[in-house]
């Protein structure tokens, strides 16, 4: 396992963490009462939260499988969250056993579970970097101990950017993502999903307010705002679309009957 030198190890259970809220929606056990409380409050105003988390997870599986089948053998997943099987490395190495996967997250509970849960294939490798997405220098340096950035990489930022602001004197999310993409070799892929207000504006506004009151900034984005992340890249069909509709499996088609999911997803290739 790889680690950031300055990584904190204490788990703060006084405030909810997005990864643990997401874990509760997925039916996981790696969360605390404060996370469950926020997850339930959001679910009370946004009935799509649980099916959205599940649909988002399936989107990650399909996007990872797609890039692996396209020949990608290196994967960098930032904002990993609580390891939930099947995770990205299991999907990638199911297609290509020699695939190399690096996870990155800033939640100490992920660090605590990483060594026990993130076992890769015998042919490939699976590593973990404890660092924040806002620190690309650290993530790229440590990931570079496993990945060769002169060769194509699939960069996965799934359900992460809605926690990052646009302001250039703040998170500068567009500039931040560009810094990562600029490092990638031609033939690399960018995989992203993001909460949107377009499909259910009132519920998403209420959910965003609950996040903010809990101390977690939250930035839902429109179709145009989300599509901007892929500027200069070649979008794979069907383009930017609700995660339900991105190259759906039969399970996803059936799940659409449950109702809308206010998340966009997209996969794009660096020419």
C-alpha atoms as a PDB file:
ATOM      1  CA  UNK A   1       0.000   0.000   0.000  1.00  0.00           C
ATOM      2  CA  UNK A   2       1.077   3.533  -0.708  1.00  0.00           C
ATOM      3  CA  UNK A   3       0.453   6.464   1.634  1.00  0.00           C
ATOM      4  CA  UNK A   4       0.804  10.217   1.853  1.00  0.00           C
ATOM      5  CA  UNK A   5       3.434  11.215   4.385  1.00  0.00           C
ATOM      6  CA  UNK A   6       1.183  13.774   6.055  1.00  0.00           C
ATOM      7  CA  UNK A   7      -1.993  11.694   5.958  1.00  0.00           C
ATOM      8  CA  UNK A   8      -4.193  12.040   9.040  1.00  0.00           C
ATOM      9  CA  UNK A   9      -5.306   8.774  10.622  1.00  0.00           C
ATOM     10  CA  UNK A  10      -7.902   9.904  13.167  1.00  0.00           C
ATOM     11  CA  UNK A  11     -11.474   9.265  12.092  1.00  0.00           C
ATOM     12  CA  UNK A  12     -13.691  12.267  12.850  1.00  0.00           C
ATOM     13  CA  UNK A  13     -17.096  10.914  13.833  1.00  0.00           C
ATOM     14  CA  UNK A  14     -18.449  14.300  14.885  1.00  0.00           C
ATOM     15  CA  UNK A  15     -19.190  15.314  11.274  1.00  0.00           C
ATOM     16  CA  UNK A  16     -20.597  13.278   8.398  1.00  0.00           C
ATOM     17  CA  UNK A  17     -18.334  12.393   5.504  1.00  0.00           C
ATOM     18  CA  UNK A  18     -19.712  12.073   1.937  1.00  0.00           C
ATOM     19  CA  UNK A  19     -18.099   8.662   1.418  1.00  0.00           C
ATOM     20  CA  UNK A  20     -19.761   7.281   4.540  1.00  0.00           C
ATOM     21  CA  UNK A  21     -23.139   8.820   3.650  1.00  0.00           C
ATOM     22  CA  UNK A  22     -22.827   7.147   0.261  1.00  0.00           C
ATOM     23  CA  UNK A  23     -21.899   3.888   2.017  1.00  0.00           C
ATOM     24  CA  UNK A  24     -25.104   4.042   4.069  1.00  0.00           C
ATOM     25  CA  UNK A  25     -27.198   4.558   0.930  1.00  0.00           C
ATOM     26  CA  UNK A  26     -25.529   1.483  -0.588  1.00  0.00           C
ATOM     27  CA  UNK A  27     -26.396  -0.573   2.495  1.00  0.00           C
ATOM     28  CA  UNK A  28     -22.827  -0.662   3.815  1.00  0.00           C
ATOM     29  CA  UNK A  29     -21.658  -0.904   7.414  1.00  0.00           C
ATOM     30  CA  UNK A  30     -18.707   1.506   7.331  1.00  0.00           C
ATOM     31  CA  UNK A  31     -20.543   4.573   8.561  1.00  0.00           C
ATOM     32  CA  UNK A  32     -21.410   6.264  11.835  1.00  0.00           C
ATOM     33  CA  UNK A  33     -24.628   7.617  13.371  1.00  0.00           C
ATOM     34  CA  UNK A  34     -23.798  11.136  12.169  1.00  0.00           C
ATOM     35  CA  UNK A  35     -23.502   9.805   8.595  1.00  0.00           C
ATOM     36  CA  UNK A  36     -26.744   7.855   8.837  1.00  0.00           C
ATOM     37  CA  UNK A  37     -28.530  10.905  10.223  1.00  0.00           C
ATOM     38  CA  UNK A  38     -27.528  13.037   7.249  1.00  0.00           C
ATOM     39  CA  UNK A  39     -28.243  10.217   4.786  1.00  0.00           C
ATOM     40  CA  UNK A  40     -31.773   9.846   6.177  1.00  0.00           C
ATOM     41  CA  UNK A  41     -32.407  13.614   6.149  1.00  0.00           C
ATOM     42  CA  UNK A  42     -31.387  13.825   2.497  1.00  0.00           C
ATOM     43  CA  UNK A  43     -33.430  10.757   1.595  1.00  0.00           C
ATOM     44  CA  UNK A  44     -36.461  12.384   3.207  1.00  0.00           C
ATOM     45  CA  UNK A  45     -36.275  15.316   0.759  1.00  0.00           C
ATOM     46  CA  UNK A  46     -34.758  13.469  -2.208  1.00  0.00           C
ATOM     47  CA  UNK A  47     -36.274  10.035  -2.715  1.00  0.00           C
ATOM     48  CA  UNK A  48     -33.808   9.366  -5.544  1.00  0.00           C
ATOM     49  CA  UNK A  49     -30.753   9.218  -3.264  1.00  0.00           C
ATOM     50  CA  UNK A  50     -30.568   5.448  -2.773  1.00  0.00           C
ATOM     51  CA  UNK A  51     -31.358   4.463  -6.349  1.00  0.00           C
ATOM     52  CA  UNK A  52     -28.996   7.213  -7.510  1.00  0.00           C
ATOM     53  CA  UNK A  53     -26.139   5.747  -5.447  1.00  0.00           C
ATOM     54  CA  UNK A  54     -26.814   2.305  -6.867  1.00  0.00           C
ATOM     55  CA  UNK A  55     -27.151   3.566 -10.442  1.00  0.00           C
ATOM     56  CA  UNK A  56     -23.935   5.531 -10.054  1.00  0.00           C
ATOM     57  CA  UNK A  57     -22.133   2.416  -8.843  1.00  0.00           C
ATOM     58  CA  UNK A  58     -23.319   0.428 -11.846  1.00  0.00           C
ATOM     59  CA  UNK A  59     -22.210   3.265 -14.153  1.00  0.00           C
ATOM     60  CA  UNK A  60     -18.714   2.991 -12.675  1.00  0.00           C
ATOM     61  CA  UNK A  61     -18.727  -0.744 -13.370  1.00  0.00           C
ATOM     62  CA  UNK A  62     -19.793  -0.294 -17.009  1.00  0.00           C
ATOM     63  CA  UNK A  63     -17.386   2.577 -17.667  1.00  0.00           C
ATOM     64  CA  UNK A  64     -14.478   0.640 -16.155  1.00  0.00           C
ATOM     65  CA  UNK A  65     -15.336  -2.434 -18.182  1.00  0.00           C
ATOM     66  CA  UNK A  66     -15.602  -0.323 -21.340  1.00  0.00           C
ATOM     67  CA  UNK A  67     -12.175   1.255 -20.894  1.00  0.00           C
ATOM     68  CA  UNK A  68     -10.569  -2.077 -19.978  1.00  0.00           C
ATOM     69  CA  UNK A  69     -12.072  -3.694 -23.072  1.00  0.00           C
ATOM     70  CA  UNK A  70     -10.654  -0.778 -25.088  1.00  0.00           C
ATOM     71  CA  UNK A  71      -7.164  -1.800 -23.960  1.00  0.00           C
ATOM     72  CA  UNK A  72      -6.566   0.319 -20.847  1.00  0.00           C
ATOM     73  CA  UNK A  73      -4.391  -1.449 -18.291  1.00  0.00           C
ATOM     74  CA  UNK A  74      -3.863   1.402 -15.813  1.00  0.00           C
ATOM     75  CA  UNK A  75      -6.553   2.989 -13.652  1.00  0.00           C
ATOM     76  CA  UNK A  76      -6.499   5.925 -11.225  1.00  0.00           C
ATOM     77  CA  UNK A  77      -9.675   6.239  -9.148  1.00  0.00           C
ATOM     78  CA  UNK A  78      -9.834   9.458  -7.104  1.00  0.00           C
ATOM     79  CA  UNK A  79     -12.532   9.750  -4.460  1.00  0.00           C
ATOM     80  CA  UNK A  80     -12.667   6.012  -3.973  1.00  0.00           C
ATOM     81  CA  UNK A  81     -15.048   6.000  -1.044  1.00  0.00           C
ATOM     82  CA  UNK A  82     -15.585   2.976   1.171  1.00  0.00           C
ATOM     83  CA  UNK A  83     -14.485  -0.173  -0.657  1.00  0.00           C
ATOM     84  CA  UNK A  84     -17.694  -1.888  -1.796  1.00  0.00           C
ATOM     85  CA  UNK A  85     -17.549  -5.059  -3.860  1.00  0.00           C
ATOM     86  CA  UNK A  86     -17.335  -5.343  -6.751  1.00  0.00           C
ATOM     87  CA  UNK A  87     -14.967  -2.401  -6.759  1.00  0.00           C
ATOM     88  CA  UNK A  88     -13.174  -0.837  -9.692  1.00  0.00           C
ATOM     89  CA  UNK A  89     -10.104  -3.075  -9.496  1.00  0.00           C
ATOM     90  CA  UNK A  90     -12.259  -6.198  -9.512  1.00  0.00           C
ATOM     91  CA  UNK A  91     -14.066  -5.033 -12.650  1.00  0.00           C
ATOM     92  CA  UNK A  92     -10.877  -3.949 -14.422  1.00  0.00           C
ATOM     93  CA  UNK A  93      -8.915  -7.062 -13.488  1.00  0.00           C
ATOM     94  CA  UNK A  94     -11.895  -9.222 -14.399  1.00  0.00           C
ATOM     95  CA  UNK A  95     -11.341  -8.031 -17.957  1.00  0.00           C
ATOM     96  CA  UNK A  96      -7.552  -7.695 -17.798  1.00  0.00           C
ATOM     97  CA  UNK A  97      -5.921  -9.566 -14.886  1.00  0.00           C
ATOM     98  CA  UNK A  98      -2.680  -7.612 -15.405  1.00  0.00           C
ATOM     99  CA  UNK A  99      -4.367  -4.224 -14.866  1.00  0.00           C
ATOM    100  CA  UNK A 100      -2.785  -1.835 -12.377  1.00  0.00           C
ATOM    101  CA  UNK A 101      -5.151   0.174 -10.169  1.00  0.00           C
ATOM    102  CA  UNK A 102      -4.432   3.038  -7.778  1.00  0.00           C
ATOM    103  CA  UNK A 103      -7.157   4.359  -5.481  1.00  0.00           C
ATOM    104  CA  UNK A 104      -6.985   7.771  -3.807  1.00  0.00           C
ATOM    105  CA  UNK A 105      -9.175   9.165  -1.035  1.00  0.00           C
ATOM    106  CA  UNK A 106      -8.864  11.512   1.942  1.00  0.00           C
ATOM    107  CA  UNK A 107     -11.151   9.674   4.392  1.00  0.00           C
ATOM    108  CA  UNK A 108      -9.220   7.905   7.196  1.00  0.00           C
ATOM    109  CA  UNK A 109     -11.832   5.135   7.308  1.00  0.00           C
ATOM    110  CA  UNK A 110     -10.920   4.252   3.723  1.00  0.00           C
ATOM    111  CA  UNK A 111      -7.274   4.127   4.751  1.00  0.00           C
ATOM    112  CA  UNK A 112      -8.193   1.838   7.649  1.00  0.00           C
ATOM    113  CA  UNK A 113      -9.952  -0.639   5.354  1.00  0.00           C
ATOM    114  CA  UNK A 114      -7.783  -0.343   2.255  1.00  0.00           C
ATOM    115  CA  UNK A 115      -5.139  -2.937   3.104  1.00  0.00           C
ATOM    116  CA  UNK A 116      -7.717  -5.526   4.119  1.00  0.00           C
ATOM    117  CA  UNK A 117     -10.186  -5.016   1.285  1.00  0.00           C
ATOM    118  CA  UNK A 118      -8.337  -3.846  -1.807  1.00  0.00           C
ATOM    119  CA  UNK A 119      -6.690  -7.091  -2.877  1.00  0.00           C
ATOM    120  CA  UNK A 120      -5.950  -7.236  -6.586  1.00  0.00           C
ATOM    121  CA  UNK A 121      -5.261 -10.090  -8.958  1.00  0.00           C
ATOM    122  CA  UNK A 122      -1.992 -12.012  -8.840  1.00  0.00           C
ATOM    123  CA  UNK A 123      -1.018 -10.664 -12.260  1.00  0.00           C
ATOM    124  CA  UNK A 124      -1.937  -7.021 -11.635  1.00  0.00           C
ATOM    125  CA  UNK A 125      -1.551  -4.641  -8.708  1.00  0.00           C
ATOM    126  CA  UNK A 126      -3.850  -2.592  -6.505  1.00  0.00           C
ATOM    127  CA  UNK A 127      -2.539   0.292  -4.421  1.00  0.00           C
ATOM    128  CA  UNK A 128      -4.013   3.057  -2.263  1.00  0.00           C
ATOM    129  CA  UNK A 129      -2.946   6.691  -1.834  1.00  0.00           C
ATOM    130  CA  UNK A 130      -4.244   8.602   1.178  1.00  0.00           C
ATOM    131  CA  UNK A 131      -4.533  12.151  -0.167  1.00  0.00           C
ATOM    132  CA  UNK A 132      -7.070  14.787  -1.185  1.00  0.00           C
ATOM    133  CA  UNK A 133      -8.146  15.389  -4.793  1.00  0.00           C
ATOM    134  CA  UNK A 134      -7.181  19.052  -4.243  1.00  0.00           C
ATOM    135  CA  UNK A 135      -3.553  17.935  -3.935  1.00  0.00           C
ATOM    136  CA  UNK A 136      -2.794  16.630  -7.440  1.00  0.00           C
ATOM    137  CA  UNK A 137       0.974  16.842  -6.955  1.00  0.00           C
ATOM    138  CA  UNK A 138       0.861  14.317  -4.106  1.00  0.00           C
ATOM    139  CA  UNK A 139      -1.644  12.006  -5.764  1.00  0.00           C
ATOM    140  CA  UNK A 140       0.182  11.957  -9.089  1.00  0.00           C
ATOM    141  CA  UNK A 141       3.574  11.519  -7.462  1.00  0.00           C
ATOM    142  CA  UNK A 142       2.477   8.585  -5.325  1.00  0.00           C
ATOM    143  CA  UNK A 143       0.323   7.053  -8.053  1.00  0.00           C
ATOM    144  CA  UNK A 144       3.363   7.302 -10.329  1.00  0.00           C
ATOM    145  CA  UNK A 145       5.106   4.706  -8.148  1.00  0.00           C
ATOM    146  CA  UNK A 146       2.643   2.175  -9.616  1.00  0.00           C
ATOM    147  CA  UNK A 147       1.367   3.738 -12.845  1.00  0.00           C
ATOM    148  CA  UNK A 148       3.363   4.796 -15.899  1.00  0.00           C
ATOM    149  CA  UNK A 149       1.915   8.146 -16.958  1.00  0.00           C
ATOM    150  CA  UNK A 150       3.680   7.949 -20.326  1.00  0.00           C
ATOM    151  CA  UNK A 151       1.129   5.234 -21.153  1.00  0.00           C
ATOM    152  CA  UNK A 152      -2.692   5.554 -21.246  1.00  0.00           C
ATOM    153  CA  UNK A 153      -4.578   5.675 -17.942  1.00  0.00           C
ATOM    154  CA  UNK A 154      -8.293   5.661 -17.160  1.00  0.00           C
ATOM    155  CA  UNK A 155      -8.869   8.494 -14.660  1.00  0.00           C
ATOM    156  CA  UNK A 156     -12.068   7.959 -12.698  1.00  0.00           C
ATOM    157  CA  UNK A 157     -13.717  10.798 -10.733  1.00  0.00           C
ATOM    158  CA  UNK A 158     -17.119   9.311  -9.982  1.00  0.00           C
ATOM    159  CA  UNK A 159     -19.614  11.291  -7.881  1.00  0.00           C
ATOM    160  CA  UNK A 160     -16.836  13.582  -6.670  1.00  0.00           C
ATOM    161  CA  UNK A 161     -16.971  16.958  -8.423  1.00  0.00           C
ATOM    162  CA  UNK A 162     -20.284  17.981  -6.818  1.00  0.00           C
ATOM    163  CA  UNK A 163     -18.266  18.430  -3.597  1.00  0.00           C
ATOM    164  CA  UNK A 164     -15.875  20.890  -5.289  1.00  0.00           C
ATOM    165  CA  UNK A 165     -16.563  24.545  -6.061  1.00  0.00           C
ATOM    166  CA  UNK A 166     -15.883  26.536  -9.231  1.00  0.00           C
ATOM    167  CA  UNK A 167     -14.246  29.655  -7.772  1.00  0.00           C
ATOM    168  CA  UNK A 168     -10.702  30.183  -9.003  1.00  0.00           C
ATOM    169  CA  UNK A 169      -9.699  31.388  -5.533  1.00  0.00           C
ATOM    170  CA  UNK A 170     -11.224  28.214  -4.037  1.00  0.00           C
ATOM    171  CA  UNK A 171     -11.382  24.654  -5.349  1.00  0.00           C
ATOM    172  CA  UNK A 172     -11.249  25.806  -9.004  1.00  0.00           C
ATOM    173  CA  UNK A 173     -12.723  22.449  -9.999  1.00  0.00           C
ATOM    174  CA  UNK A 174     -12.357  22.972 -13.751  1.00  0.00           C
ATOM    175  CA  UNK A 175      -8.726  23.984 -13.418  1.00  0.00           C
ATOM    176  CA  UNK A 176      -8.134  21.108 -11.001  1.00  0.00           C
ATOM    177  CA  UNK A 177      -9.510  18.434 -13.326  1.00  0.00           C
ATOM    178  CA  UNK A 178      -7.543  19.941 -16.215  1.00  0.00           C
ATOM    179  CA  UNK A 179      -4.333  19.533 -14.199  1.00  0.00           C
ATOM    180  CA  UNK A 180      -4.995  15.819 -13.932  1.00  0.00           C
ATOM    181  CA  UNK A 181      -6.025  15.423 -17.567  1.00  0.00           C
ATOM    182  CA  UNK A 182      -2.980  17.353 -18.804  1.00  0.00           C
ATOM    183  CA  UNK A 183      -0.711  14.727 -17.233  1.00  0.00           C
ATOM    184  CA  UNK A 184      -2.455  11.851 -19.005  1.00  0.00           C
ATOM    185  CA  UNK A 185      -0.952  10.320 -22.134  1.00  0.00           C
ATOM    186  CA  UNK A 186      -2.893  10.320 -25.419  1.00  0.00           C
ATOM    187  CA  UNK A 187      -5.302   7.405 -25.488  1.00  0.00           C
ATOM    188  CA  UNK A 188      -6.241   7.922 -21.831  1.00  0.00           C
ATOM    189  CA  UNK A 189      -9.837   8.175 -20.645  1.00  0.00           C
ATOM    190  CA  UNK A 190     -11.713  10.456 -18.241  1.00  0.00           C
ATOM    191  CA  UNK A 191     -14.671   8.866 -16.435  1.00  0.00           C
ATOM    192  CA  UNK A 192     -16.944  11.176 -14.450  1.00  0.00           C
ATOM    193  CA  UNK A 193     -20.388  11.434 -12.890  1.00  0.00           C
ATOM    194  CA  UNK A 194     -21.997  14.397 -11.146  1.00  0.00           C
ATOM    195  CA  UNK A 195     -25.267  15.292  -9.391  1.00  0.00           C
ATOM    196  CA  UNK A 196     -27.434  17.636 -11.444  1.00  0.00           C
ATOM    197  CA  UNK A 197     -30.393  19.875 -10.596  1.00  0.00           C
ATOM    198  CA  UNK A 198     -31.769  19.510 -14.134  1.00  0.00           C
ATOM    199  CA  UNK A 199     -33.961  16.473 -13.518  1.00  0.00           C
ATOM    200  CA  UNK A 200     -35.314  17.179 -10.029  1.00  0.00           C
ATOM    201  CA  UNK A 201     -34.413  20.774  -9.065  1.00  0.00           C
ATOM    202  CA  UNK A 202     -36.482  21.186  -5.894  1.00  0.00           C
ATOM    203  CA  UNK A 203     -35.317  17.946  -4.275  1.00  0.00           C
ATOM    204  CA  UNK A 204     -31.684  18.522  -5.214  1.00  0.00           C
ATOM    205  CA  UNK A 205     -31.799  22.058  -3.804  1.00  0.00           C
ATOM    206  CA  UNK A 206     -33.067  20.688  -0.479  1.00  0.00           C
ATOM    207  CA  UNK A 207     -30.461  17.915  -0.452  1.00  0.00           C
ATOM    208  CA  UNK A 208     -27.705  20.438  -1.194  1.00  0.00           C
ATOM    209  CA  UNK A 209     -28.860  22.578   1.725  1.00  0.00           C
ATOM    210  CA  UNK A 210     -28.672  19.583   4.085  1.00  0.00           C
ATOM    211  CA  UNK A 211     -25.121  18.859   2.912  1.00  0.00           C
ATOM    212  CA  UNK A 212     -24.088  22.473   3.422  1.00  0.00           C
ATOM    213  CA  UNK A 213     -25.615  22.667   6.892  1.00  0.00           C
ATOM    214  CA  UNK A 214     -23.605  19.563   7.818  1.00  0.00           C
ATOM    215  CA  UNK A 215     -20.408  21.335   6.782  1.00  0.00           C
ATOM    216  CA  UNK A 216     -20.071  19.698   3.360  1.00  0.00           C
ATOM    217  CA  UNK A 217     -20.161  22.080   0.382  1.00  0.00           C
ATOM    218  CA  UNK A 218     -22.323  20.758  -2.444  1.00  0.00           C
ATOM    219  CA  UNK A 219     -22.448  21.974  -6.049  1.00  0.00           C
ATOM    220  CA  UNK A 220     -24.993  20.307  -8.357  1.00  0.00           C
ATOM    221  CA  UNK A 221     -24.292  21.185 -12.009  1.00  0.00           C
ATOM    222  CA  UNK A 222     -26.347  21.533 -15.169  1.00  0.00           C
ATOM    223  CA  UNK A 223     -25.750  19.540 -18.322  1.00  0.00           C
ATOM    224  CA  UNK A 224     -23.705  22.362 -19.825  1.00  0.00           C
ATOM    225  CA  UNK A 225     -21.665  22.828 -16.641  1.00  0.00           C
ATOM    226  CA  UNK A 226     -20.901  19.122 -16.355  1.00  0.00           C
ATOM    227  CA  UNK A 227     -20.127  18.745 -20.068  1.00  0.00           C
ATOM    228  CA  UNK A 228     -17.462  21.429 -19.678  1.00  0.00           C
ATOM    229  CA  UNK A 229     -15.235  18.910 -17.861  1.00  0.00           C
ATOM    230  CA  UNK A 230     -14.837  17.053 -21.157  1.00  0.00           C
ATOM    231  CA  UNK A 231     -13.776  20.070 -23.238  1.00  0.00           C
ATOM    232  CA  UNK A 232     -10.992  19.090 -25.629  1.00  0.00           C
ATOM    233  CA  UNK A 233     -11.679  15.358 -25.243  1.00  0.00           C
ATOM    234  CA  UNK A 234     -13.529  12.892 -27.480  1.00  0.00           C
ATOM    235  CA  UNK A 235     -16.756  11.807 -25.812  1.00  0.00           C
ATOM    236  CA  UNK A 236     -17.709   8.173 -26.202  1.00  0.00           C
ATOM    237  CA  UNK A 237     -21.271   7.485 -27.257  1.00  0.00           C
ATOM    238  CA  UNK A 238     -23.921   8.121 -26.085  1.00  0.00           C
ATOM    239  CA  UNK A 239     -22.189  11.255 -24.743  1.00  0.00           C
ATOM    240  CA  UNK A 240     -23.147  12.975 -21.501  1.00  0.00           C
ATOM    241  CA  UNK A 241     -26.362  11.413 -20.267  1.00  0.00           C
ATOM    242  CA  UNK A 242     -28.114  10.259 -17.100  1.00  0.00           C
ATOM    243  CA  UNK A 243     -26.020   7.462 -15.595  1.00  0.00           C
ATOM    244  CA  UNK A 244     -28.969   5.096 -16.158  1.00  0.00           C
ATOM    245  CA  UNK A 245     -28.648   5.561 -19.901  1.00  0.00           C
ATOM    246  CA  UNK A 246     -24.894   5.272 -20.385  1.00  0.00           C
ATOM    247  CA  UNK A 247     -24.494   1.948 -22.236  1.00  0.00           C
ATOM    248  CA  UNK A 248     -27.033   0.294 -19.927  1.00  0.00           C
ATOM    249  CA  UNK A 249     -27.090  -3.381 -19.023  1.00  0.00           C
ATOM    250  CA  UNK A 250     -30.503  -5.100 -18.735  1.00  0.00           C
ATOM    251  CA  UNK A 251     -30.418  -4.405 -14.978  1.00  0.00           C
ATOM    252  CA  UNK A 252     -30.136  -0.681 -15.656  1.00  0.00           C
ATOM    253  CA  UNK A 253     -32.947  -0.708 -18.199  1.00  0.00           C
ATOM    254  CA  UNK A 254     -35.191  -2.449 -15.658  1.00  0.00           C
ATOM    255  CA  UNK A 255     -34.150  -0.028 -12.893  1.00  0.00           C
ATOM    256  CA  UNK A 256     -35.265   2.963 -14.968  1.00  0.00           C
ATOM    257  CA  UNK A 257     -38.844   2.025 -14.117  1.00  0.00           C
ATOM    258  CA  UNK A 258     -38.122   3.092 -10.526  1.00  0.00           C
ATOM    259  CA  UNK A 259     -37.907   6.732 -11.623  1.00  0.00           C
ATOM    260  CA  UNK A 260     -35.345   9.380 -12.469  1.00  0.00           C
ATOM    261  CA  UNK A 261     -31.776   9.517 -11.219  1.00  0.00           C
ATOM    262  CA  UNK A 262     -30.383  13.081 -11.091  1.00  0.00           C
ATOM    263  CA  UNK A 263     -26.808  12.216 -12.030  1.00  0.00           C
ATOM    264  CA  UNK A 264     -25.035  12.750 -15.322  1.00  0.00           C
ATOM    265  CA  UNK A 265     -22.245  10.483 -16.461  1.00  0.00           C
ATOM    266  CA  UNK A 266     -19.760  10.574 -19.278  1.00  0.00           C
ATOM    267  CA  UNK A 267     -16.603   8.938 -20.583  1.00  0.00           C
ATOM    268  CA  UNK A 268     -14.173  10.693 -22.915  1.00  0.00           C
ATOM    269  CA  UNK A 269     -10.888   9.813 -24.605  1.00  0.00           C
ATOM    270  CA  UNK A 270      -7.839  12.034 -24.818  1.00  0.00           C
ATOM    271  CA  UNK A 271      -6.840  12.192 -28.499  1.00  0.00           C
END
